């Protein structure tokens, strides 16, 4: 999702909690991985692997100049012919250590064995973040959660948004993670930041005239 579409989505969601909530969560993610030089592990459930979030974070890492945002996608099933970046299995969670960050994405109820692995990673010192559907077990494991309830209704001043989904929230989080992150030399902004600012300006309604 490009900067213009993200800006339009934020405009639609104006008046709801989501623009601020996703920026806050993205800031926590960024400050968890950037000072530590990376170490971001991304895992979903056997039924829901966060492919798109992984791809968007890779893009944001390149655009923002923050390679630390590039995640390692941890998969539940790995085939012998999978390329290296898609061949990291659940055993990687067992190797998680202090200084690494584990981002769990789970729209449904995660399996007990996955929760146990996440718990072990936390005990080993990893920071656990979660994008989830509001499950007590996940909230008890994670240091920070952003909950997306599937049937919730959020009303802005001008629009009603029914049931914002986890995919949309992931778009907003990944976009915010790379925004305004690196000060450019001689006061110049990165092209990505300039485009985002321009999109916000183009989609902001003019002030009311009295």
Foldseek 3Di string as FASTA:
>chain_A
DALLVLLVVVVQCPAFCQLVVLLVLLVVVLVLQQVLPAQEEEEEAQVDFPPVLLVLQCVLCVQLVNVNSRYQGEHCDADPPDPPSRHHYLVVLLVAAASHEYEYEYADDHDPVSLVSLQNNVVRHYAYEYEYQDDPSNVVSHPYYDHQNQQDWTDHPVDIDGRDDSVSSSVSNSLSNREPDDQDPPRDDRPSNVVNVVSNVVPDDDDDDD
